[in-house]
Amino acid sequence: MSKFAYYTITPQPEKNPVAYIFRLFSETCGTMDCLETKAFPIRNPNNPQITYGEADLYGQLSVSALMAEVQS
């Protein structure tokens, strides 16, 4: 049985975003499940990349924790 975990980060709305939406997915034997959805509001409109970086780091840590759980 193979298991994959991945995440997506999308701006909402696409033009002039006010938040980034994080979604964590798990795929097992061709079945995809959304395990978590979380909003990261943009606190500084002049530098939204800071918020994107936070969402990306959260995603990396979430996938790492999920895969560690699967391997144990």
PDB file of N, CA and C in Angstrom:
ATOM      1  N   MET A   1       0.851  -1.183   0.000  1.00  0.00           N
ATOM      2  CA  MET A   1       0.000   0.000   0.000  1.00  0.00           C
ATOM      3  C   MET A   1       0.893   1.241   0.000  1.00  0.00           C
ATOM      4  N   SER A   2       0.718   2.083  -0.979  1.00  0.00           N
ATOM      5  CA  SER A   2       1.490   3.321  -1.032  1.00  0.00           C
ATOM      6  C   SER A   2       0.612   4.480  -0.574  1.00  0.00           C
ATOM      7  N   LYS A   3       1.246   5.392   0.129  1.00  0.00           N
ATOM      8  CA  LYS A   3       0.517   6.549   0.641  1.00  0.00           C
ATOM      9  C   LYS A   3       1.320   7.803   0.317  1.00  0.00           C
ATOM     10  N   PHE A   4       0.638   8.787  -0.233  1.00  0.00           N
ATOM     11  CA  PHE A   4       1.252  10.064  -0.563  1.00  0.00           C
ATOM     12  C   PHE A   4       0.560  11.155   0.241  1.00  0.00           C
ATOM     13  N   ALA A   5       1.340  12.149   0.634  1.00  0.00           N
ATOM     14  CA  ALA A   5       0.780  13.320   1.307  1.00  0.00           C
ATOM     15  C   ALA A   5       1.324  14.557   0.598  1.00  0.00           C
ATOM     16  N   TYR A   6       0.455  15.518   0.367  1.00  0.00           N
ATOM     17  CA  TYR A   6       0.880  16.755  -0.273  1.00  0.00           C
ATOM     18  C   TYR A   6      -0.066  17.873   0.143  1.00  0.00           C
ATOM     19  N   TYR A   7       0.335  19.104  -0.164  1.00  0.00           N
ATOM     20  CA  TYR A   7      -0.491  20.253   0.204  1.00  0.00           C
ATOM     21  C   TYR A   7      -0.519  21.255  -0.935  1.00  0.00           C
ATOM     22  N   THR A   8      -1.546  22.091  -0.892  1.00  0.00           N
ATOM     23  CA  THR A   8      -1.658  23.192  -1.842  1.00  0.00           C
ATOM     24  C   THR A   8      -1.865  24.487  -1.065  1.00  0.00           C
ATOM     25  N   ILE A   9      -1.415  25.576  -1.657  1.00  0.00           N
ATOM     26  CA  ILE A   9      -1.631  26.906  -1.081  1.00  0.00           C
ATOM     27  C   ILE A   9      -2.173  27.776  -2.206  1.00  0.00           C
ATOM     28  N   THR A  10      -3.371  28.315  -2.007  1.00  0.00           N
ATOM     29  CA  THR A  10      -3.985  29.144  -3.041  1.00  0.00           C
ATOM     30  C   THR A  10      -4.403  30.494  -2.463  1.00  0.00           C
ATOM     31  N   PRO A  11      -4.172  31.575  -3.211  1.00  0.00           N
ATOM     32  CA  PRO A  11      -4.616  32.890  -2.750  1.00  0.00           C
ATOM     33  C   PRO A  11      -6.126  33.039  -2.937  1.00  0.00           C
ATOM     34  N   GLN A  12      -6.765  33.706  -2.013  1.00  0.00           N
ATOM     35  CA  GLN A  12      -8.205  33.951  -2.104  1.00  0.00           C
ATOM     36  C   GLN A  12      -8.485  35.411  -1.830  1.00  0.00           C
ATOM     37  N   PRO A  13      -9.117  36.121  -2.698  1.00  0.00           N
ATOM     38  CA  PRO A  13      -9.309  35.822  -4.121  1.00  0.00           C
ATOM     39  C   PRO A  13      -7.971  35.897  -4.846  1.00  0.00           C
ATOM     40  N   GLU A  14      -7.950  35.516  -6.108  1.00  0.00           N
ATOM     41  CA  GLU A  14      -6.686  35.487  -6.848  1.00  0.00           C
ATOM     42  C   GLU A  14      -6.081  36.870  -7.027  1.00  0.00           C
ATOM     43  N   LYS A  15      -6.922  37.868  -7.307  1.00  0.00           N
ATOM     44  CA  LYS A  15      -6.431  39.242  -7.435  1.00  0.00           C
ATOM     45  C   LYS A  15      -6.574  39.923  -6.084  1.00  0.00           C
ATOM     46  N   ASN A  16      -5.512  40.576  -5.644  1.00  0.00           N
ATOM     47  CA  ASN A  16      -5.487  41.257  -4.344  1.00  0.00           C
ATOM     48  C   ASN A  16      -5.947  40.328  -3.220  1.00  0.00           C
ATOM     49  N   PRO A  17      -5.220  39.241  -2.974  1.00  0.00           N
ATOM     50  CA  PRO A  17      -5.662  38.264  -1.972  1.00  0.00           C
ATOM     51  C   PRO A  17      -5.675  38.837  -0.562  1.00  0.00           C
ATOM     52  N   VAL A  18      -6.613  38.346   0.225  1.00  0.00           N
ATOM     53  CA  VAL A  18      -6.695  38.712   1.638  1.00  0.00           C
ATOM     54  C   VAL A  18      -6.265  37.545   2.518  1.00  0.00           C
ATOM     55  N   ALA A  19      -6.119  36.356   1.908  1.00  0.00           N
ATOM     56  CA  ALA A  19      -5.690  35.175   2.658  1.00  0.00           C
ATOM     57  C   ALA A  19      -5.144  34.129   1.701  1.00  0.00           C
ATOM     58  N   TYR A  20      -4.346  33.240   2.260  1.00  0.00           N
ATOM     59  CA  TYR A  20      -3.907  32.045   1.541  1.00  0.00           C
ATOM     60  C   TYR A  20      -4.609  30.854   2.181  1.00  0.00           C
ATOM     61  N   ILE A  21      -5.158  29.993   1.351  1.00  0.00           N
ATOM     62  CA  ILE A  21      -5.866  28.813   1.834  1.00  0.00           C
ATOM     63  C   ILE A  21      -4.944  27.608   1.686  1.00  0.00           C
ATOM     64  N   PHE A  22      -4.697  26.956   2.798  1.00  0.00           N
ATOM     65  CA  PHE A  22      -3.848  25.765   2.846  1.00  0.00           C
ATOM     66  C   PHE A  22      -4.742  24.533   2.886  1.00  0.00           C
ATOM     67  N   ARG A  23      -4.424  23.543   2.057  1.00  0.00           N
ATOM     68  CA  ARG A  23      -5.157  22.272   2.076  1.00  0.00           C
ATOM     69  C   ARG A  23      -4.150  21.133   2.102  1.00  0.00           C
ATOM     70  N   LEU A  24      -4.361  20.193   3.031  1.00  0.00           N
ATOM     71  CA  LEU A  24      -3.505  19.016   3.170  1.00  0.00           C
ATOM     72  C   LEU A  24      -4.261  17.812   2.643  1.00  0.00           C
ATOM     73  N   PHE A  25      -3.630  17.080   1.722  1.00  0.00           N
ATOM     74  CA  PHE A  25      -4.261  15.921   1.102  1.00  0.00           C
ATOM     75  C   PHE A  25      -3.464  14.664   1.398  1.00  0.00           C
ATOM     76  N   SER A  26      -4.183  13.555   1.435  1.00  0.00           N
ATOM     77  CA  SER A  26      -3.571  12.240   1.557  1.00  0.00           C
ATOM     78  C   SER A  26      -4.149  11.367   0.458  1.00  0.00           C
ATOM     79  N   GLU A  27      -3.281  10.630  -0.207  1.00  0.00           N
ATOM     80  CA  GLU A  27      -3.734   9.753  -1.281  1.00  0.00           C
ATOM     81  C   GLU A  27      -3.270   8.332  -0.977  1.00  0.00           C
ATOM     82  N   THR A  28      -4.226   7.416  -0.884  1.00  0.00           N
ATOM     83  CA  THR A  28      -3.943   6.015  -0.614  1.00  0.00           C
ATOM     84  C   THR A  28      -4.665   5.165  -1.642  1.00  0.00           C
ATOM     85  N   CYS A  29      -3.914   4.360  -2.368  1.00  0.00           N
ATOM     86  CA  CYS A  29      -4.492   3.447  -3.372  1.00  0.00           C
ATOM     87  C   CYS A  29      -5.455   4.167  -4.320  1.00  0.00           C
ATOM     88  N   GLY A  30      -5.094   5.351  -4.765  1.00  0.00           N
ATOM     89  CA  GLY A  30      -5.912   6.081  -5.727  1.00  0.00           C
ATOM     90  C   GLY A  30      -7.059   6.875  -5.130  1.00  0.00           C
ATOM     91  N   THR A  31      -7.247   6.798  -3.821  1.00  0.00           N
ATOM     92  CA  THR A  31      -8.308   7.554  -3.152  1.00  0.00           C
ATOM     93  C   THR A  31      -7.697   8.786  -2.493  1.00  0.00           C
ATOM     94  N   MET A  32      -8.188   9.968  -2.864  1.00  0.00           N
ATOM     95  CA  MET A  32      -7.661  11.213  -2.331  1.00  0.00           C
ATOM     96  C   MET A  32      -8.609  11.764  -1.271  1.00  0.00           C
ATOM     97  N   ASP A  33      -8.039  12.159  -0.129  1.00  0.00           N
ATOM     98  CA  ASP A  33      -8.814  12.740   0.967  1.00  0.00           C
ATOM     99  C   ASP A  33      -8.199  14.072   1.370  1.00  0.00           C
ATOM    100  N   CYS A  34      -9.054  15.058   1.614  1.00  0.00           N
ATOM    101  CA  CYS A  34      -8.601  16.334   2.153  1.00  0.00           C
ATOM    102  C   CYS A  34      -8.635  16.200   3.672  1.00  0.00           C
ATOM    103  N   LEU A  35      -7.469  16.242   4.306  1.00  0.00           N
ATOM    104  CA  LEU A  35      -7.378  16.044   5.745  1.00  0.00           C
ATOM    105  C   LEU A  35      -7.542  17.333   6.535  1.00  0.00           C
ATOM    106  N   GLU A  36      -7.143  18.446   5.930  1.00  0.00           N
ATOM    107  CA  GLU A  36      -7.178  19.709   6.669  1.00  0.00           C
ATOM    108  C   GLU A  36      -7.275  20.880   5.704  1.00  0.00           C
ATOM    109  N   THR A  37      -8.020  21.882   6.106  1.00  0.00           N
ATOM    110  CA  THR A  37      -8.091  23.151   5.386  1.00  0.00           C
ATOM    111  C   THR A  37      -7.901  24.253   6.418  1.00  0.00           C
ATOM    112  N   LYS A  38      -7.013  25.185   6.112  1.00  0.00           N
ATOM    113  CA  LYS A  38      -6.713  26.249   7.068  1.00  0.00           C
ATOM    114  C   LYS A  38      -6.476  27.551   6.309  1.00  0.00           C
ATOM    115  N   ALA A  39      -6.979  28.644   6.843  1.00  0.00           N
ATOM    116  CA  ALA A  39      -6.788  29.964   6.231  1.00  0.00           C
ATOM    117  C   ALA A  39      -5.656  30.702   6.940  1.00  0.00           C
ATOM    118  N   PHE A  40      -4.805  31.327   6.146  1.00  0.00           N
ATOM    119  CA  PHE A  40      -3.736  32.174   6.657  1.00  0.00           C
ATOM    120  C   PHE A  40      -4.009  33.597   6.182  1.00  0.00           C
ATOM    121  N   PRO A  41      -4.632  34.431   7.025  1.00  0.00           N
ATOM    122  CA  PRO A  41      -4.943  35.811   6.624  1.00  0.00           C
ATOM    123  C   PRO A  41      -3.663  36.623   6.387  1.00  0.00           C
ATOM    124  N   ILE A  42      -3.682  37.447   5.367  1.00  0.00           N
ATOM    125  CA  ILE A  42      -2.538  38.313   5.069  1.00  0.00           C
ATOM    126  C   ILE A  42      -2.602  39.505   6.012  1.00  0.00           C
ATOM    127  N   ARG A  43      -1.588  39.614   6.873  1.00  0.00           N
ATOM    128  CA  ARG A  43      -1.568  40.682   7.871  1.00  0.00           C
ATOM    129  C   ARG A  43      -0.913  41.953   7.347  1.00  0.00           C
ATOM    130  N   ASN A  44      -0.030  41.810   6.361  1.00  0.00           N
ATOM    131  CA  ASN A  44       0.646  42.972   5.793  1.00  0.00           C
ATOM    132  C   ASN A  44       0.418  42.971   4.282  1.00  0.00           C
ATOM    133  N   PRO A  45      -0.524  43.781   3.786  1.00  0.00           N
ATOM    134  CA  PRO A  45      -0.829  43.783   2.356  1.00  0.00           C
ATOM    135  C   PRO A  45       0.353  44.199   1.476  1.00  0.00           C
ATOM    136  N   ASN A  46       1.325  44.894   2.057  1.00  0.00           N
ATOM    137  CA  ASN A  46       2.493  45.313   1.287  1.00  0.00           C
ATOM    138  C   ASN A  46       3.501  44.180   1.095  1.00  0.00           C
ATOM    139  N   ASN A  47       3.375  43.118   1.897  1.00  0.00           N
ATOM    140  CA  ASN A  47       4.310  41.998   1.795  1.00  0.00           C
ATOM    141  C   ASN A  47       3.574  40.677   2.051  1.00  0.00           C
ATOM    142  N   PRO A  48       2.738  40.240   1.111  1.00  0.00           N
ATOM    143  CA  PRO A  48       1.980  39.002   1.318  1.00  0.00           C
ATOM    144  C   PRO A  48       2.853  37.749   1.300  1.00  0.00           C
ATOM    145  N   GLN A  49       4.099  37.866   0.817  1.00  0.00           N
ATOM    146  CA  GLN A  49       4.981  36.698   0.763  1.00  0.00           C
ATOM    147  C   GLN A  49       5.314  36.173   2.155  1.00  0.00           C
ATOM    148  N   ILE A  50       5.273  37.027   3.168  1.00  0.00           N
ATOM    149  CA  ILE A  50       5.519  36.569   4.537  1.00  0.00           C
ATOM    150  C   ILE A  50       4.456  35.549   4.927  1.00  0.00           C
ATOM    151  N   THR A  51       3.212  35.853   4.653  1.00  0.00           N
ATOM    152  CA  THR A  51       2.116  34.937   4.975  1.00  0.00           C
ATOM    153  C   THR A  51       2.214  33.669   4.145  1.00  0.00           C
ATOM    154  N   TYR A  52       2.573  33.800   2.870  1.00  0.00           N
ATOM    155  CA  TYR A  52       2.747  32.618   2.023  1.00  0.00           C
ATOM    156  C   TYR A  52       3.839  31.716   2.606  1.00  0.00           C
ATOM    157  N   GLY A  53       4.915  32.321   3.067  1.00  0.00           N
ATOM    158  CA  GLY A  53       6.009  31.558   3.678  1.00  0.00           C
ATOM    159  C   GLY A  53       5.559  30.809   4.919  1.00  0.00           C
ATOM    160  N   GLU A  54       4.717  31.442   5.729  1.00  0.00           N
ATOM    161  CA  GLU A  54       4.187  30.775   6.923  1.00  0.00           C
ATOM    162  C   GLU A  54       3.322  29.581   6.540  1.00  0.00           C
ATOM    163  N   ALA A  55       2.475  29.759   5.540  1.00  0.00           N
ATOM    164  CA  ALA A  55       1.614  28.664   5.082  1.00  0.00           C
ATOM    165  C   ALA A  55       2.453  27.534   4.495  1.00  0.00           C
ATOM    166  N   ASP A  56       3.496  27.883   3.761  1.00  0.00           N
ATOM    167  CA  ASP A  56       4.370  26.877   3.168  1.00  0.00           C
ATOM    168  C   ASP A  56       5.111  26.088   4.250  1.00  0.00           C
ATOM    169  N   LEU A  57       5.629  26.762   5.247  1.00  0.00           N
ATOM    170  CA  LEU A  57       6.311  26.085   6.352  1.00  0.00           C
ATOM    171  C   LEU A  57       5.349  25.166   7.092  1.00  0.00           C
ATOM    172  N   TYR A  58       4.139  25.643   7.341  1.00  0.00           N
ATOM    173  CA  TYR A  58       3.119  24.817   7.991  1.00  0.00           C
ATOM    174  C   TYR A  58       2.862  23.556   7.162  1.00  0.00           C
ATOM    175  N   GLY A  59       2.801  23.704   5.853  1.00  0.00           N
ATOM    176  CA  GLY A  59       2.586  22.563   4.967  1.00  0.00           C
ATOM    177  C   GLY A  59       3.725  21.561   5.031  1.00  0.00           C
ATOM    178  N   GLN A  60       4.949  22.057   4.999  1.00  0.00           N
ATOM    179  CA  GLN A  60       6.106  21.163   5.068  1.00  0.00           C
ATOM    180  C   GLN A  60       6.108  20.369   6.372  1.00  0.00           C
ATOM    181  N   LEU A  61       5.829  21.048   7.476  1.00  0.00           N
ATOM    182  CA  LEU A  61       5.817  20.371   8.772  1.00  0.00           C
ATOM    183  C   LEU A  61       4.651  19.393   8.888  1.00  0.00           C
ATOM    184  N   SER A  62       3.505  19.750   8.333  1.00  0.00           N
ATOM    185  CA  SER A  62       2.332  18.868   8.384  1.00  0.00           C
ATOM    186  C   SER A  62       2.567  17.589   7.593  1.00  0.00           C
ATOM    187  N   VAL A  63       3.124  17.713   6.402  1.00  0.00           N
ATOM    188  CA  VAL A  63       3.401  16.530   5.578  1.00  0.00           C
ATOM    189  C   VAL A  63       4.455  15.661   6.260  1.00  0.00           C
ATOM    190  N   SER A  64       5.475  16.283   6.820  1.00  0.00           N
ATOM    191  CA  SER A  64       6.522  15.538   7.507  1.00  0.00           C
ATOM    192  C   SER A  64       5.950  14.755   8.690  1.00  0.00           C
ATOM    193  N   ALA A  65       5.094  15.394   9.479  1.00  0.00           N
ATOM    194  CA  ALA A  65       4.482  14.722  10.627  1.00  0.00           C
ATOM    195  C   ALA A  65       3.571  13.588  10.179  1.00  0.00           C
ATOM    196  N   LEU A  66       2.817  13.809   9.119  1.00  0.00           N
ATOM    197  CA  LEU A  66       1.911  12.779   8.609  1.00  0.00           C
ATOM    198  C   LEU A  66       2.695  11.568   8.107  1.00  0.00           C
ATOM    199  N   MET A  67       3.768  11.801   7.380  1.00  0.00           N
ATOM    200  CA  MET A  67       4.564  10.694   6.854  1.00  0.00           C
ATOM    201  C   MET A  67       5.295   9.952   7.974  1.00  0.00           C
ATOM    202  N   ALA A  68       5.733  10.662   9.012  1.00  0.00           N
ATOM    203  CA  ALA A  68       6.371  10.007  10.159  1.00  0.00           C
ATOM    204  C   ALA A  68       5.370   9.100  10.865  1.00  0.00           C
ATOM    205  N   GLU A  69       4.126   9.554  10.940  1.00  0.00           N
ATOM    206  CA  GLU A  69       3.066   8.759  11.559  1.00  0.00           C
ATOM    207  C   GLU A  69       2.796   7.492  10.744  1.00  0.00           C
ATOM    208  N   VAL A  70       2.825   7.598   9.444  1.00  0.00           N
ATOM    209  CA  VAL A  70       2.580   6.453   8.560  1.00  0.00           C
ATOM    210  C   VAL A  70       3.707   5.431   8.679  1.00  0.00           C
ATOM    211  N   GLN A  71       4.939   5.908   8.791  1.00  0.00           N
ATOM    212  CA  GLN A  71       6.085   5.009   8.837  1.00  0.00           C
ATOM    213  C   GLN A  71       6.218   4.283  10.160  1.00  0.00           C
ATOM    214  N   SER A  72       5.631   4.805  11.226  1.00  0.00           N
ATOM    215  CA  SER A  72       5.757   4.143  12.533  1.00  0.00           C
ATOM    216  C   SER A  72       4.696   3.101  12.753  1.00  0.00           C
TER     217      SER A  72
END
